[in-house]
C-alpha atoms as a PDB file:
ATOM      1  CA  UNK A   1     -11.782 -27.729  35.799  1.00  0.00           C
ATOM      2  CA  UNK A   2      -8.546 -26.315  34.419  1.00  0.00           C
ATOM      3  CA  UNK A   3      -9.148 -28.000  31.051  1.00  0.00           C
ATOM      4  CA  UNK A   4     -12.522 -26.274  30.793  1.00  0.00           C
ATOM      5  CA  UNK A   5     -10.954 -22.856  31.495  1.00  0.00           C
ATOM      6  CA  UNK A   6      -8.307 -23.455  28.839  1.00  0.00           C
ATOM      7  CA  UNK A   7     -10.992 -24.349  26.277  1.00  0.00           C
ATOM      8  CA  UNK A   8     -12.919 -21.170  27.097  1.00  0.00           C
ATOM      9  CA  UNK A   9      -9.730 -19.095  26.866  1.00  0.00           C
ATOM     10  CA  UNK A  10      -8.825 -20.612  23.485  1.00  0.00           C
ATOM     11  CA  UNK A  11     -12.349 -20.059  22.173  1.00  0.00           C
ATOM     12  CA  UNK A  12     -12.236 -16.404  23.230  1.00  0.00           C
ATOM     13  CA  UNK A  13      -8.792 -16.014  21.677  1.00  0.00           C
ATOM     14  CA  UNK A  14     -10.014 -17.424  18.359  1.00  0.00           C
ATOM     15  CA  UNK A  15     -13.129 -15.232  18.349  1.00  0.00           C
ATOM     16  CA  UNK A  16     -11.057 -12.135  19.163  1.00  0.00           C
ATOM     17  CA  UNK A  17      -8.625 -12.951  16.349  1.00  0.00           C
ATOM     18  CA  UNK A  18     -11.441 -13.390  13.852  1.00  0.00           C
ATOM     19  CA  UNK A  19     -13.179 -10.171  14.846  1.00  0.00           C
ATOM     20  CA  UNK A  20      -9.984  -8.086  14.838  1.00  0.00           C
ATOM     21  CA  UNK A  21      -9.017  -9.549  11.469  1.00  0.00           C
ATOM     22  CA  UNK A  22     -12.176  -8.088   9.967  1.00  0.00           C
ATOM     23  CA  UNK A  23     -11.041  -4.559  10.780  1.00  0.00           C
ATOM     24  CA  UNK A  24      -8.094  -4.833   8.375  1.00  0.00           C
ATOM     25  CA  UNK A  25     -10.232  -3.926   5.367  1.00  0.00           C
ATOM     26  CA  UNK A  26      -8.199  -1.900   2.890  1.00  0.00           C
ATOM     27  CA  UNK A  27      -9.770   1.276   1.564  1.00  0.00           C
ATOM     28  CA  UNK A  28      -9.842   1.409  -2.234  1.00  0.00           C
ATOM     29  CA  UNK A  29      -9.143   4.756  -3.884  1.00  0.00           C
ATOM     30  CA  UNK A  30     -11.877   6.370  -5.926  1.00  0.00           C
ATOM     31  CA  UNK A  31     -11.211   7.825  -9.388  1.00  0.00           C
ATOM     32  CA  UNK A  32     -10.838  11.452  -8.245  1.00  0.00           C
ATOM     33  CA  UNK A  33      -8.339  10.570  -5.515  1.00  0.00           C
ATOM     34  CA  UNK A  34      -6.406   8.307  -7.888  1.00  0.00           C
ATOM     35  CA  UNK A  35      -6.240  11.052 -10.519  1.00  0.00           C
ATOM     36  CA  UNK A  36      -5.034  13.571  -7.941  1.00  0.00           C
ATOM     37  CA  UNK A  37      -2.327  11.224  -6.669  1.00  0.00           C
ATOM     38  CA  UNK A  38      -1.338  10.330 -10.231  1.00  0.00           C
ATOM     39  CA  UNK A  39      -0.941  13.994 -11.153  1.00  0.00           C
ATOM     40  CA  UNK A  40       1.208  14.838  -8.124  1.00  0.00           C
ATOM     41  CA  UNK A  41       3.257  11.682  -7.496  1.00  0.00           C
ATOM     42  CA  UNK A  42       5.062   8.776  -9.125  1.00  0.00           C
ATOM     43  CA  UNK A  43       5.025   5.220  -7.811  1.00  0.00           C
ATOM     44  CA  UNK A  44       8.187   3.186  -8.342  1.00  0.00           C
ATOM     45  CA  UNK A  45       7.720  -0.585  -8.351  1.00  0.00           C
ATOM     46  CA  UNK A  46       9.488  -3.750  -9.490  1.00  0.00           C
ATOM     47  CA  UNK A  47       8.275  -7.129 -10.761  1.00  0.00           C
ATOM     48  CA  UNK A  48       8.044  -9.712  -8.010  1.00  0.00           C
ATOM     49  CA  UNK A  49       7.651  -7.171  -5.204  1.00  0.00           C
ATOM     50  CA  UNK A  50       4.652  -8.186  -3.053  1.00  0.00           C
ATOM     51  CA  UNK A  51       4.327  -4.775  -1.381  1.00  0.00           C
ATOM     52  CA  UNK A  52       4.369  -3.116  -4.801  1.00  0.00           C
ATOM     53  CA  UNK A  53       1.436  -5.293  -5.841  1.00  0.00           C
ATOM     54  CA  UNK A  54      -0.367  -4.516  -2.584  1.00  0.00           C
ATOM     55  CA  UNK A  55       0.227  -0.793  -3.152  1.00  0.00           C
ATOM     56  CA  UNK A  56      -1.230  -0.969  -6.669  1.00  0.00           C
ATOM     57  CA  UNK A  57      -4.175  -3.129  -5.543  1.00  0.00           C
ATOM     58  CA  UNK A  58      -5.147  -0.344  -3.157  1.00  0.00           C
ATOM     59  CA  UNK A  59      -6.265   1.636  -6.219  1.00  0.00           C
ATOM     60  CA  UNK A  60      -8.299  -1.160  -7.815  1.00  0.00           C
ATOM     61  CA  UNK A  61      -9.426  -0.332 -11.345  1.00  0.00           C
ATOM     62  CA  UNK A  62      -8.299   3.287 -10.790  1.00  0.00           C
ATOM     63  CA  UNK A  63      -4.637   2.234 -10.815  1.00  0.00           C
ATOM     64  CA  UNK A  64      -4.702   3.355 -14.460  1.00  0.00           C
ATOM     65  CA  UNK A  65      -4.579   6.972 -13.260  1.00  0.00           C
ATOM     66  CA  UNK A  66      -1.281   6.520 -11.418  1.00  0.00           C
ATOM     67  CA  UNK A  67       2.116   7.405 -12.781  1.00  0.00           C
ATOM     68  CA  UNK A  68       3.850   4.027 -12.270  1.00  0.00           C
ATOM     69  CA  UNK A  69       7.483   3.450 -13.131  1.00  0.00           C
ATOM     70  CA  UNK A  70       8.535  -0.204 -13.191  1.00  0.00           C
ATOM     71  CA  UNK A  71      12.219  -0.443 -12.269  1.00  0.00           C
ATOM     72  CA  UNK A  72      12.344  -3.901 -13.898  1.00  0.00           C
ATOM     73  CA  UNK A  73      11.431  -2.403 -17.276  1.00  0.00           C
ATOM     74  CA  UNK A  74      13.169   0.966 -16.999  1.00  0.00           C
ATOM     75  CA  UNK A  75      16.006   0.723 -14.444  1.00  0.00           C
ATOM     76  CA  UNK A  76      17.614   3.957 -15.634  1.00  0.00           C
ATOM     77  CA  UNK A  77      14.612   6.042 -14.510  1.00  0.00           C
ATOM     78  CA  UNK A  78      14.944   4.529 -11.040  1.00  0.00           C
ATOM     79  CA  UNK A  79      18.682   5.171 -10.965  1.00  0.00           C
ATOM     80  CA  UNK A  80      18.171   8.774 -12.132  1.00  0.00           C
ATOM     81  CA  UNK A  81      15.645   9.369  -9.331  1.00  0.00           C
ATOM     82  CA  UNK A  82      17.844   7.615  -6.721  1.00  0.00           C
ATOM     83  CA  UNK A  83      15.255   4.918  -6.017  1.00  0.00           C
ATOM     84  CA  UNK A  84      16.915   2.109  -4.051  1.00  0.00           C
ATOM     85  CA  UNK A  85      13.863   0.439  -2.470  1.00  0.00           C
ATOM     86  CA  UNK A  86      10.438  -0.367  -3.849  1.00  0.00           C
ATOM     87  CA  UNK A  87       7.709   0.505  -3.527  1.00  0.00           C
ATOM     88  CA  UNK A  88       8.692   4.146  -3.355  1.00  0.00           C
ATOM     89  CA  UNK A  89       6.682   7.277  -3.981  1.00  0.00           C
ATOM     90  CA  UNK A  90       8.305  10.362  -5.503  1.00  0.00           C
ATOM     91  CA  UNK A  91       6.352  13.341  -4.199  1.00  0.00           C
ATOM     92  CA  UNK A  92       7.399  17.007  -4.259  1.00  0.00           C
ATOM     93  CA  UNK A  93      10.981  16.093  -5.185  1.00  0.00           C
ATOM     94  CA  UNK A  94      11.195  13.734  -2.172  1.00  0.00           C
ATOM     95  CA  UNK A  95      11.390   9.951  -2.046  1.00  0.00           C
ATOM     96  CA  UNK A  96       8.989   8.200   0.321  1.00  0.00           C
ATOM     97  CA  UNK A  97      10.053   4.562   0.657  1.00  0.00           C
ATOM     98  CA  UNK A  98       7.718   1.725   1.520  1.00  0.00           C
ATOM     99  CA  UNK A  99       4.013   0.986   1.474  1.00  0.00           C
ATOM    100  CA  UNK A 100       1.680   3.881   2.284  1.00  0.00           C
ATOM    101  CA  UNK A 101      -1.990   3.720   3.154  1.00  0.00           C
ATOM    102  CA  UNK A 102      -4.442   5.778   1.180  1.00  0.00           C
ATOM    103  CA  UNK A 103      -4.929   8.059   4.169  1.00  0.00           C
ATOM    104  CA  UNK A 104      -1.161   8.656   4.421  1.00  0.00           C
ATOM    105  CA  UNK A 105      -0.864   9.398   0.704  1.00  0.00           C
ATOM    106  CA  UNK A 106      -3.784  11.812   0.753  1.00  0.00           C
ATOM    107  CA  UNK A 107      -2.150  13.670   3.635  1.00  0.00           C
ATOM    108  CA  UNK A 108       1.337  13.810   2.092  1.00  0.00           C
ATOM    109  CA  UNK A 109       0.080  14.754  -1.367  1.00  0.00           C
ATOM    110  CA  UNK A 110      -2.838  16.922  -0.229  1.00  0.00           C
ATOM    111  CA  UNK A 111      -5.477  15.166  -2.322  1.00  0.00           C
END
């Protein structure tokens, strides 16, 4: 009897995990939002940074509209802006460290 209850519990746990995992769909920025963010902010990244890649992937093909500074290629720009962690966003003369969702960026940047 106890074995049967454990099997049911495990099955429910697996189903719950699968269903909740589906809600983690990342919103992809459209062209207008990407252009707005690109005009008002700079994204600082570095080669080999998985969160930097995730941040850029959030824009899909519209990543081309962003102002991206790669600290691997141009370390002096990062030093001049006081960037110590990547990814970082430079918005309104302020550094915002870490990964930001599209919703968070739109709120901070007013896009």
